[in-house]
Amino acid sequence: MLGDVLFGNMVNKNIYFQNSLHRIRVNLDVLTPEYLVEYFSIMSERGGLIRETIQVTIAHLTGHKLKQLPLPLPPLVLQQKFIRILKQIRVLSEENLTQSQNLNLSLKQEMLT
């Protein structure tokens, strides 16, 4: 898959990559790493990165193309707010998924008794 992002401390992790691996250092005065990770995640999900790739067998995003990608850069306060809200949404989504799975299991058990 093109656009997978590794973020954080990767000590004692098995990491595999093919063809190339790009490391991006952010200027913390203007960009949070979490915002950049989410940006690339969204771009990957929507196919925004695939248009920028060289593709013969496996999609490859060159460092040159990576540097040319447009990056919407709201103020740090908005980036941080976006990440906080996104984390809250993910927590709620996980809770709802767990409740849904539990309800599904309960209904199936009820059906069998």
Protein backbone atom coordinates (compact mmCIF):
# COMPACT_ATOMS: atom_id res chain seq x y z
CA MET A 1 0.00 0.00 0.00
CA LEU A 2 1.29 3.43 -0.85
CA GLY A 3 1.28 6.02 1.86
CA ASP A 4 1.59 3.97 5.03
CA VAL A 5 3.12 6.14 7.73
CA LEU A 6 5.31 5.03 10.59
CA PHE A 7 5.36 7.46 13.46
CA GLY A 8 7.00 7.48 16.84
CA ASN A 9 9.52 5.31 18.59
CA MET A 10 10.05 2.24 16.44
CA VAL A 11 12.54 0.44 18.72
CA ASN A 12 12.11 -3.35 18.77
CA LYS A 13 9.62 -3.31 15.91
CA ASN A 14 9.84 -5.34 12.73
CA ILE A 15 9.66 -2.85 9.89
CA TYR A 16 9.65 -3.88 6.27
CA PHE A 17 9.72 -1.63 3.23
CA GLN A 18 10.21 -2.02 -0.46
CA ASN A 19 12.11 0.24 -2.81
CA SER A 20 12.43 3.35 -0.64
CA LEU A 21 11.76 4.84 2.73
CA HIS A 22 11.46 8.59 3.24
CA ARG A 23 12.17 10.24 6.56
CA ILE A 24 10.60 13.64 7.10
CA ARG A 25 11.77 16.04 9.76
CA VAL A 26 9.24 18.71 10.60
CA ASN A 27 9.84 22.25 11.79
CA LEU A 28 7.94 22.11 15.09
CA ASP A 29 7.43 25.89 14.97
CA VAL A 30 5.02 25.50 12.03
CA LEU A 31 3.96 21.84 11.84
CA THR A 32 3.05 19.06 14.25
CA PRO A 33 4.16 15.53 13.30
CA GLU A 34 0.67 14.19 14.09
CA TYR A 35 -0.93 16.65 11.66
CA LEU A 36 1.49 15.59 8.92
CA VAL A 37 0.78 11.90 9.57
CA GLU A 38 -2.98 12.53 9.31
CA TYR A 39 -2.50 14.58 6.14
CA PHE A 40 -0.63 11.73 4.46
CA SER A 41 -3.16 9.22 5.74
CA ILE A 42 -6.03 11.19 4.25
CA MET A 43 -4.13 11.70 0.99
CA SER A 44 -3.45 7.98 0.77
CA GLU A 45 -7.07 7.01 1.51
CA ARG A 46 -8.36 9.38 -1.16
CA GLY A 47 -5.82 8.33 -3.79
CA GLY A 48 -4.07 11.69 -3.68
CA LEU A 49 -0.61 10.16 -3.46
CA ILE A 50 -1.02 7.61 -6.22
CA ARG A 51 -1.23 10.39 -8.83
CA GLU A 52 2.27 11.49 -7.86
CA THR A 53 3.90 8.08 -8.17
CA ILE A 54 6.02 6.33 -10.69
CA GLN A 55 4.33 3.01 -11.31
CA VAL A 56 5.71 0.06 -13.22
CA THR A 57 4.98 -2.79 -10.83
CA ILE A 58 4.90 -1.20 -7.37
CA ALA A 59 3.88 2.42 -6.82
CA HIS A 60 6.88 4.54 -5.86
CA LEU A 61 6.80 8.09 -4.54
CA THR A 62 10.17 9.74 -5.13
CA GLY A 63 11.70 12.16 -2.66
CA HIS A 64 11.54 14.86 -5.33
CA LYS A 65 7.77 14.35 -5.81
CA LEU A 66 7.28 14.17 -2.05
CA LYS A 67 8.89 17.60 -1.62
CA GLN A 68 6.57 19.04 -4.27
CA LEU A 69 3.32 17.85 -2.65
CA PRO A 70 1.14 20.75 -1.51
CA LEU A 71 0.57 20.78 2.23
CA PRO A 72 -2.25 22.87 3.71
CA LEU A 73 -0.62 24.49 6.72
CA PRO A 74 -3.06 25.98 9.22
CA PRO A 75 -1.67 27.67 12.35
CA LEU A 76 -0.26 25.30 15.01
CA VAL A 77 -3.24 25.94 17.29
CA LEU A 78 -5.64 24.67 14.61
CA GLN A 79 -3.43 21.66 13.83
CA GLN A 80 -3.41 20.73 17.51
CA LYS A 81 -7.18 21.23 17.78
CA PHE A 82 -7.72 19.06 14.69
CA ILE A 83 -5.63 16.26 16.23
CA ARG A 84 -7.46 16.52 19.59
CA ILE A 85 -10.86 16.30 17.90
CA LEU A 86 -9.73 13.45 15.67
CA LYS A 87 -8.50 11.49 18.70
CA GLN A 88 -11.86 12.05 20.44
CA ILE A 89 -13.70 10.83 17.35
CA ARG A 90 -11.52 7.72 17.19
CA VAL A 91 -12.15 6.92 20.85
CA LEU A 92 -15.91 7.28 20.33
CA SER A 93 -15.73 5.19 17.16
CA GLU A 94 -13.86 2.42 18.99
CA GLU A 95 -16.37 2.51 21.84
CA ASN A 96 -19.28 2.34 19.40
CA LEU A 97 -17.64 -0.51 17.50
CA THR A 98 -17.12 -2.45 20.73
CA GLN A 99 -20.74 -1.86 21.77
CA SER A 100 -21.96 -2.90 18.35
CA GLN A 101 -19.88 -6.08 18.41
CA ASN A 102 -21.13 -6.90 21.91
CA LEU A 103 -24.74 -6.33 20.86
CA ASN A 104 -24.25 -8.47 17.76
CA LEU A 105 -22.78 -11.27 19.86
CA SER A 106 -25.62 -11.00 22.41
CA LEU A 107 -28.23 -11.19 19.66
CA LYS A 108 -26.59 -14.27 18.17
CA GLN A 109 -26.41 -15.95 21.57
CA GLU A 110 -30.05 -15.08 22.23
CA MET A 111 -30.99 -16.54 18.85
CA LEU A 112 -29.35 -19.85 19.75
CA THR A 113 -31.04 -20.24 23.15
